Amino acid sequence: MPLPMAPVGEELTVKKIMLDERDRRHLANLGIVPGGTLTLLSASGGSVILRVKDGRLALDRSLALKILV
């Protein structure tokens, strides 16, 4: 399921990232990789807030829709 549709507060495993290589590398530098875990903190409004490792990260909703968990 796309990341913004996932339940808030649960630890999720990234299954697939449907972006070009440049954007996938950028997300990998931020800690978002297939097989990696993250927690969805908020999906309201135009952005999605995640907990990745020990930090928080905000992504644009259109980008988050291309991350499958």
C-alpha atoms as a PDB file:
ATOM      1  CA  MET A   1       0.000   0.000   0.000  1.00  0.00           C
ATOM      2  CA  PRO A   2       1.215   3.579  -0.566  1.00  0.00           C
ATOM      3  CA  LEU A   3       2.858   5.169   2.463  1.00  0.00           C
ATOM      4  CA  PRO A   4       0.194   7.869   3.107  1.00  0.00           C
ATOM      5  CA  MET A   5      -2.500   5.150   3.296  1.00  0.00           C
ATOM      6  CA  ALA A   6      -0.672   3.180   6.020  1.00  0.00           C
ATOM      7  CA  PRO A   7      -1.818   3.239   9.652  1.00  0.00           C
ATOM      8  CA  VAL A   8      -0.308   6.039  11.735  1.00  0.00           C
ATOM      9  CA  GLY A   9       1.987   4.983  14.581  1.00  0.00           C
ATOM     10  CA  GLU A  10       2.903   1.511  13.316  1.00  0.00           C
ATOM     11  CA  GLU A  11       6.386   0.424  12.298  1.00  0.00           C
ATOM     12  CA  LEU A  12       6.334  -0.253   8.558  1.00  0.00           C
ATOM     13  CA  THR A  13       8.690  -2.034   6.186  1.00  0.00           C
ATOM     14  CA  VAL A  14       9.422  -0.405   2.825  1.00  0.00           C
ATOM     15  CA  LYS A  15       8.536  -2.892   0.064  1.00  0.00           C
ATOM     16  CA  LYS A  16       9.206  -0.878  -3.095  1.00  0.00           C
ATOM     17  CA  ILE A  17      10.169   2.628  -4.174  1.00  0.00           C
ATOM     18  CA  MET A  18       8.725   3.602  -7.559  1.00  0.00           C
ATOM     19  CA  LEU A  19      11.026   6.516  -8.423  1.00  0.00           C
ATOM     20  CA  ASP A  20      13.918   7.111 -10.792  1.00  0.00           C
ATOM     21  CA  GLU A  21      17.459   6.217  -9.738  1.00  0.00           C
ATOM     22  CA  ARG A  22      18.395   9.752  -8.676  1.00  0.00           C
ATOM     23  CA  ASP A  23      15.428  10.074  -6.315  1.00  0.00           C
ATOM     24  CA  ARG A  24      15.957   6.540  -4.955  1.00  0.00           C
ATOM     25  CA  ARG A  25      19.571   7.426  -4.108  1.00  0.00           C
ATOM     26  CA  HIS A  26      18.399  10.598  -2.347  1.00  0.00           C
ATOM     27  CA  LEU A  27      15.897   8.627  -0.247  1.00  0.00           C
ATOM     28  CA  ALA A  28      18.587   6.026   0.517  1.00  0.00           C
ATOM     29  CA  ASN A  29      20.800   8.809   1.876  1.00  0.00           C
ATOM     30  CA  LEU A  30      17.895   9.765   4.152  1.00  0.00           C
ATOM     31  CA  GLY A  31      17.522   6.150   5.343  1.00  0.00           C
ATOM     32  CA  ILE A  32      14.537   5.068   3.227  1.00  0.00           C
ATOM     33  CA  VAL A  33      15.461   1.868   1.390  1.00  0.00           C
ATOM     34  CA  PRO A  34      13.551  -1.281   0.392  1.00  0.00           C
ATOM     35  CA  GLY A  35      13.573  -3.619   3.377  1.00  0.00           C
ATOM     36  CA  GLY A  36      14.148  -0.729   5.784  1.00  0.00           C
ATOM     37  CA  THR A  37      11.739   0.260   8.531  1.00  0.00           C
ATOM     38  CA  LEU A  38      10.059   3.556   9.308  1.00  0.00           C
ATOM     39  CA  THR A  39       7.120   4.824  11.332  1.00  0.00           C
ATOM     40  CA  LEU A  40       4.387   7.026   9.908  1.00  0.00           C
ATOM     41  CA  LEU A  41       3.772   9.855  12.382  1.00  0.00           C
ATOM     42  CA  SER A  42       1.291  11.971  10.402  1.00  0.00           C
ATOM     43  CA  ALA A  43      -0.314  11.895   6.966  1.00  0.00           C
ATOM     44  CA  SER A  44      -2.610  14.911   7.171  1.00  0.00           C
ATOM     45  CA  GLY A  45      -2.507  17.825   4.775  1.00  0.00           C
ATOM     46  CA  GLY A  46      -0.014  18.060   1.933  1.00  0.00           C
ATOM     47  CA  SER A  47       2.907  16.330   3.598  1.00  0.00           C
ATOM     48  CA  VAL A  48       3.760  13.085   5.370  1.00  0.00           C
ATOM     49  CA  ILE A  49       5.881  13.014   8.531  1.00  0.00           C
ATOM     50  CA  LEU A  50       7.974   9.919   9.211  1.00  0.00           C
ATOM     51  CA  ARG A  51      10.332   8.652  11.863  1.00  0.00           C
ATOM     52  CA  VAL A  52      13.340   7.118  10.136  1.00  0.00           C
ATOM     53  CA  LYS A  53      15.994   5.705  12.461  1.00  0.00           C
ATOM     54  CA  ASP A  54      16.445   8.395  15.150  1.00  0.00           C
ATOM     55  CA  GLY A  55      15.150  11.386  13.184  1.00  0.00           C
ATOM     56  CA  ARG A  56      12.004  12.855  11.720  1.00  0.00           C
ATOM     57  CA  LEU A  57      11.477  13.519   8.048  1.00  0.00           C
ATOM     58  CA  ALA A  58       8.750  15.323   6.110  1.00  0.00           C
ATOM     59  CA  LEU A  59       7.979  14.259   2.547  1.00  0.00           C
ATOM     60  CA  ASP A  60       5.659  15.741  -0.039  1.00  0.00           C
ATOM     61  CA  ARG A  61       2.503  13.644  -0.389  1.00  0.00           C
ATOM     62  CA  SER A  62       3.067  13.018  -4.135  1.00  0.00           C
ATOM     63  CA  LEU A  63       6.541  11.617  -3.369  1.00  0.00           C
ATOM     64  CA  ALA A  64       5.229   9.530  -0.446  1.00  0.00           C
ATOM     65  CA  LEU A  65       2.591   7.937  -2.697  1.00  0.00           C
ATOM     66  CA  LYS A  66       5.442   6.327  -4.672  1.00  0.00           C
ATOM     67  CA  ILE A  67       6.803   4.547  -1.584  1.00  0.00           C
ATOM     68  CA  LEU A  68       5.050   1.219  -1.010  1.00  0.00           C
ATOM     69  CA  VAL A  69       4.969  -0.399   2.436  1.00  0.00           C
END
